[in-house]
Amino acid sequence: MKKFKYKFDSVLNFKDNIKKEAMKEVALVGKQIEESAIKKEKLIEELNGCKMGNNIGSMKISELQFIESHIYYLKKKIEFIDSEIARLKLLMKIKQSELIEKTKESKIFHKLKESKFLQFKKEENRAETKMLDELAIQKSSRE
């Protein structure tokens, strides 16, 4: 019996590696989205803290101006992070569609390999049956 050798094994391995890379990219973008969301939450907490600290009591005008400029800065930073999250979500959709495409390509080669393996098994069984038939004929002709 000979061993099954799939002629597109190298292509299949290449497609699987590309699929794994695409999965890593999707995970990386997901992690970046999470990190940006955490940064945004921290900035919102800081912004709320500044607004609450602003109402405590009497302050110098310079302190009040500093707090107001800091609040403005925090709002702008939150807007920037919102736009960054939107950009990352768009990138995530692109990477997910690429991953789906790579998965389809990989599945095609896996199905082809499975089909070729079944065909190989069928041919092996046919050859084995033929050999057994010949042995039976030879044995019966000797008797």
C-alpha atoms as a PDB file:
ATOM      1  CA  MET A   1       0.000   0.000   0.000  1.00  0.00           C
ATOM      2  CA  LYS A   2       1.309   3.378  -0.885  1.00  0.00           C
ATOM      3  CA  LYS A   3       0.934   6.456   1.241  1.00  0.00           C
ATOM      4  CA  PHE A   4      -1.544   9.214   0.344  1.00  0.00           C
ATOM      5  CA  LYS A   5       0.256  12.251  -1.080  1.00  0.00           C
ATOM      6  CA  TYR A   6      -1.805  15.378  -1.698  1.00  0.00           C
ATOM      7  CA  LYS A   7      -0.276  17.437  -4.481  1.00  0.00           C
ATOM      8  CA  PHE A   8      -1.609  20.738  -3.086  1.00  0.00           C
ATOM      9  CA  ASP A   9      -0.309  20.209   0.465  1.00  0.00           C
ATOM     10  CA  SER A  10       2.053  23.177   0.245  1.00  0.00           C
ATOM     11  CA  VAL A  11      -0.771  25.402  -1.041  1.00  0.00           C
ATOM     12  CA  LEU A  12      -3.035  24.142   1.741  1.00  0.00           C
ATOM     13  CA  ASN A  13      -0.396  24.902   4.382  1.00  0.00           C
ATOM     14  CA  PHE A  14       0.148  28.348   2.876  1.00  0.00           C
ATOM     15  CA  LYS A  15      -3.602  29.090   2.917  1.00  0.00           C
ATOM     16  CA  ASP A  16      -3.844  27.901   6.531  1.00  0.00           C
ATOM     17  CA  ASN A  17      -0.939  30.150   7.536  1.00  0.00           C
ATOM     18  CA  ILE A  18      -2.535  33.140   5.816  1.00  0.00           C
ATOM     19  CA  LYS A  19      -5.802  32.380   7.603  1.00  0.00           C
ATOM     20  CA  LYS A  20      -3.990  32.275  10.957  1.00  0.00           C
ATOM     21  CA  GLU A  21      -2.356  35.627  10.199  1.00  0.00           C
ATOM     22  CA  ALA A  22      -5.753  37.123   9.353  1.00  0.00           C
ATOM     23  CA  MET A  23      -7.118  35.777  12.651  1.00  0.00           C
ATOM     24  CA  LYS A  24      -4.231  37.432  14.500  1.00  0.00           C
ATOM     25  CA  GLU A  25      -4.933  40.728  12.740  1.00  0.00           C
ATOM     26  CA  VAL A  26      -8.619  40.584  13.702  1.00  0.00           C
ATOM     27  CA  ALA A  27      -7.667  39.860  17.309  1.00  0.00           C
ATOM     28  CA  LEU A  28      -5.147  42.718  17.316  1.00  0.00           C
ATOM     29  CA  VAL A  29      -7.702  45.218  16.018  1.00  0.00           C
ATOM     30  CA  GLY A  30     -10.215  43.964  18.596  1.00  0.00           C
ATOM     31  CA  LYS A  31      -7.652  44.522  21.334  1.00  0.00           C
ATOM     32  CA  GLN A  32      -6.959  48.051  20.065  1.00  0.00           C
ATOM     33  CA  ILE A  33     -10.700  48.802  20.144  1.00  0.00           C
ATOM     34  CA  GLU A  34     -10.887  47.540  23.725  1.00  0.00           C
ATOM     35  CA  GLU A  35      -7.885  49.619  24.782  1.00  0.00           C
ATOM     36  CA  SER A  36      -9.355  52.738  23.166  1.00  0.00           C
ATOM     37  CA  ALA A  37     -12.690  52.161  24.905  1.00  0.00           C
ATOM     38  CA  ILE A  38     -10.881  51.855  28.254  1.00  0.00           C
ATOM     39  CA  LYS A  39      -8.976  55.100  27.581  1.00  0.00           C
ATOM     40  CA  LYS A  40     -12.253  56.805  26.742  1.00  0.00           C
ATOM     41  CA  GLU A  41     -13.871  55.606  29.968  1.00  0.00           C
ATOM     42  CA  LYS A  42     -10.930  56.915  31.992  1.00  0.00           C
ATOM     43  CA  LEU A  43     -11.128  60.276  30.253  1.00  0.00           C
ATOM     44  CA  ILE A  44     -14.878  60.469  30.886  1.00  0.00           C
ATOM     45  CA  GLU A  45     -14.285  59.704  34.577  1.00  0.00           C
ATOM     46  CA  GLU A  46     -11.608  62.402  34.713  1.00  0.00           C
ATOM     47  CA  LEU A  47     -13.927  64.836  32.938  1.00  0.00           C
ATOM     48  CA  ASN A  48     -16.728  64.125  35.404  1.00  0.00           C
ATOM     49  CA  GLY A  49     -14.259  64.554  38.269  1.00  0.00           C
ATOM     50  CA  CYS A  50     -13.189  67.936  36.923  1.00  0.00           C
ATOM     51  CA  LYS A  51     -16.802  69.056  36.564  1.00  0.00           C
ATOM     52  CA  MET A  52     -17.595  67.924  40.099  1.00  0.00           C
ATOM     53  CA  GLY A  53     -14.453  69.566  41.486  1.00  0.00           C
ATOM     54  CA  ASN A  54     -15.437  72.759  39.719  1.00  0.00           C
ATOM     55  CA  ASN A  55     -18.560  73.098  41.887  1.00  0.00           C
ATOM     56  CA  ILE A  56     -16.838  72.663  45.270  1.00  0.00           C
ATOM     57  CA  GLY A  57     -16.418  76.217  46.328  1.00  0.00           C
ATOM     58  CA  SER A  58     -14.627  79.463  45.709  1.00  0.00           C
ATOM     59  CA  MET A  59     -11.623  79.383  43.421  1.00  0.00           C
ATOM     60  CA  LYS A  60      -9.268  81.853  41.914  1.00  0.00           C
ATOM     61  CA  ILE A  61     -10.025  82.882  38.379  1.00  0.00           C
ATOM     62  CA  SER A  62      -6.761  81.374  37.148  1.00  0.00           C
ATOM     63  CA  GLU A  63      -7.704  78.015  38.711  1.00  0.00           C
ATOM     64  CA  LEU A  64     -11.141  78.229  37.140  1.00  0.00           C
ATOM     65  CA  GLN A  65      -9.638  79.044  33.740  1.00  0.00           C
ATOM     66  CA  PHE A  66      -7.202  76.150  34.078  1.00  0.00           C
ATOM     67  CA  ILE A  67     -10.023  73.741  34.933  1.00  0.00           C
ATOM     68  CA  GLU A  68     -12.127  75.013  32.015  1.00  0.00           C
ATOM     69  CA  SER A  69      -9.228  74.590  29.576  1.00  0.00           C
ATOM     70  CA  HIS A  70      -8.548  71.122  30.989  1.00  0.00           C
ATOM     71  CA  ILE A  71     -12.231  70.206  30.514  1.00  0.00           C
ATOM     72  CA  TYR A  72     -12.043  71.479  26.922  1.00  0.00           C
ATOM     73  CA  TYR A  73      -8.873  69.413  26.366  1.00  0.00           C
ATOM     74  CA  LEU A  74     -10.542  66.284  27.795  1.00  0.00           C
ATOM     75  CA  LYS A  75     -13.587  66.756  25.552  1.00  0.00           C
ATOM     76  CA  LYS A  76     -11.374  67.081  22.481  1.00  0.00           C
ATOM     77  CA  LYS A  77      -9.391  64.015  23.490  1.00  0.00           C
ATOM     78  CA  ILE A  78     -12.639  62.037  23.929  1.00  0.00           C
ATOM     79  CA  GLU A  79     -13.763  63.156  20.454  1.00  0.00           C
ATOM     80  CA  PHE A  80     -10.422  62.043  19.033  1.00  0.00           C
ATOM     81  CA  ILE A  81     -10.724  58.638  20.703  1.00  0.00           C
ATOM     82  CA  ASP A  82     -14.304  58.320  19.390  1.00  0.00           C
ATOM     83  CA  SER A  83     -13.045  58.911  15.848  1.00  0.00           C
ATOM     84  CA  GLU A  84     -10.219  56.434  16.468  1.00  0.00           C
ATOM     85  CA  ILE A  85     -12.714  53.803  17.660  1.00  0.00           C
ATOM     86  CA  ALA A  86     -14.865  54.408  14.569  1.00  0.00           C
ATOM     87  CA  ARG A  87     -11.785  53.992  12.354  1.00  0.00           C
ATOM     88  CA  LEU A  88     -10.810  50.798  14.174  1.00  0.00           C
ATOM     89  CA  LYS A  89     -14.328  49.386  13.840  1.00  0.00           C
ATOM     90  CA  LEU A  90     -14.202  50.010  10.100  1.00  0.00           C
ATOM     91  CA  LEU A  91     -10.796  48.339   9.984  1.00  0.00           C
ATOM     92  CA  MET A  92     -12.253  45.438  11.981  1.00  0.00           C
ATOM     93  CA  LYS A  93     -14.996  44.946   9.377  1.00  0.00           C
ATOM     94  CA  ILE A  94     -12.395  44.922   6.610  1.00  0.00           C
ATOM     95  CA  LYS A  95     -10.184  42.451   8.474  1.00  0.00           C
ATOM     96  CA  GLN A  96     -13.175  40.208   9.240  1.00  0.00           C
ATOM     97  CA  SER A  97     -14.193  40.129   5.586  1.00  0.00           C
ATOM     98  CA  GLU A  98     -10.595  39.258   4.677  1.00  0.00           C
ATOM     99  CA  LEU A  99     -10.670  36.500   7.287  1.00  0.00           C
ATOM    100  CA  ILE A 100     -13.904  35.117   5.852  1.00  0.00           C
ATOM    101  CA  GLU A 101     -12.343  35.087   2.389  1.00  0.00           C
ATOM    102  CA  LYS A 102      -9.194  33.350   3.637  1.00  0.00           C
ATOM    103  CA  THR A 103     -11.306  30.796   5.513  1.00  0.00           C
ATOM    104  CA  LYS A 104     -13.280  30.038   2.339  1.00  0.00           C
ATOM    105  CA  GLU A 105     -10.078  29.564   0.347  1.00  0.00           C
ATOM    106  CA  SER A 106      -8.674  27.264   3.007  1.00  0.00           C
ATOM    107  CA  LYS A 107     -11.903  25.251   3.191  1.00  0.00           C
ATOM    108  CA  ILE A 108     -11.867  24.750  -0.574  1.00  0.00           C
ATOM    109  CA  PHE A 109      -8.448  23.125  -0.384  1.00  0.00           C
ATOM    110  CA  HIS A 110      -9.432  21.056   2.672  1.00  0.00           C
ATOM    111  CA  LYS A 111     -12.527  19.759   0.843  1.00  0.00           C
ATOM    112  CA  LEU A 112     -10.437  19.000  -2.231  1.00  0.00           C
ATOM    113  CA  LYS A 113      -7.929  17.118  -0.071  1.00  0.00           C
ATOM    114  CA  GLU A 114     -10.743  15.138   1.545  1.00  0.00           C
ATOM    115  CA  SER A 115     -12.204  14.326  -1.865  1.00  0.00           C
ATOM    116  CA  LYS A 116      -8.826  13.213  -3.217  1.00  0.00           C
ATOM    117  CA  PHE A 117      -8.237  11.110  -0.083  1.00  0.00           C
ATOM    118  CA  LEU A 118     -11.586   9.343  -0.530  1.00  0.00           C
ATOM    119  CA  GLN A 119     -10.756   8.744  -4.180  1.00  0.00           C
ATOM    120  CA  PHE A 120      -7.345   7.371  -3.136  1.00  0.00           C
ATOM    121  CA  LYS A 121      -8.981   5.037  -0.597  1.00  0.00           C
ATOM    122  CA  LYS A 122     -11.444   3.812  -3.218  1.00  0.00           C
ATOM    123  CA  GLU A 123      -8.622   3.057  -5.644  1.00  0.00           C
ATOM    124  CA  GLU A 124      -6.655   1.288  -2.888  1.00  0.00           C
ATOM    125  CA  ASN A 125      -9.683  -0.848  -2.038  1.00  0.00           C
ATOM    126  CA  ARG A 126     -10.219  -1.654  -5.703  1.00  0.00           C
ATOM    127  CA  ALA A 127      -6.565  -2.686  -6.109  1.00  0.00           C
ATOM    128  CA  GLU A 128      -6.701  -4.759  -2.925  1.00  0.00           C
ATOM    129  CA  THR A 129      -9.905  -6.480  -4.060  1.00  0.00           C
ATOM    130  CA  LYS A 130      -8.327  -7.202  -7.450  1.00  0.00           C
ATOM    131  CA  MET A 131      -5.227  -8.647  -5.781  1.00  0.00           C
ATOM    132  CA  LEU A 132      -7.336 -10.838  -3.471  1.00  0.00           C
ATOM    133  CA  ASP A 133      -9.395 -12.046  -6.434  1.00  0.00           C
ATOM    134  CA  GLU A 134      -6.217 -12.978  -8.303  1.00  0.00           C
ATOM    135  CA  LEU A 135      -4.904 -14.826  -5.241  1.00  0.00           C
ATOM    136  CA  ALA A 136      -8.193 -16.710  -4.936  1.00  0.00           C
ATOM    137  CA  ILE A 137      -8.090 -17.637  -8.631  1.00  0.00           C
ATOM    138  CA  GLN A 138      -4.498 -18.825  -8.350  1.00  0.00           C
ATOM    139  CA  LYS A 139      -5.280 -20.833  -5.225  1.00  0.00           C
ATOM    140  CA  SER A 140      -8.332 -22.444  -6.818  1.00  0.00           C
ATOM    141  CA  SER A 141      -6.392 -23.284 -10.003  1.00  0.00           C
ATOM    142  CA  ARG A 142      -3.704 -25.093  -7.940  1.00  0.00           C
ATOM    143  CA  GLU A 143      -6.266 -27.337  -6.311  1.00  0.00           C
END
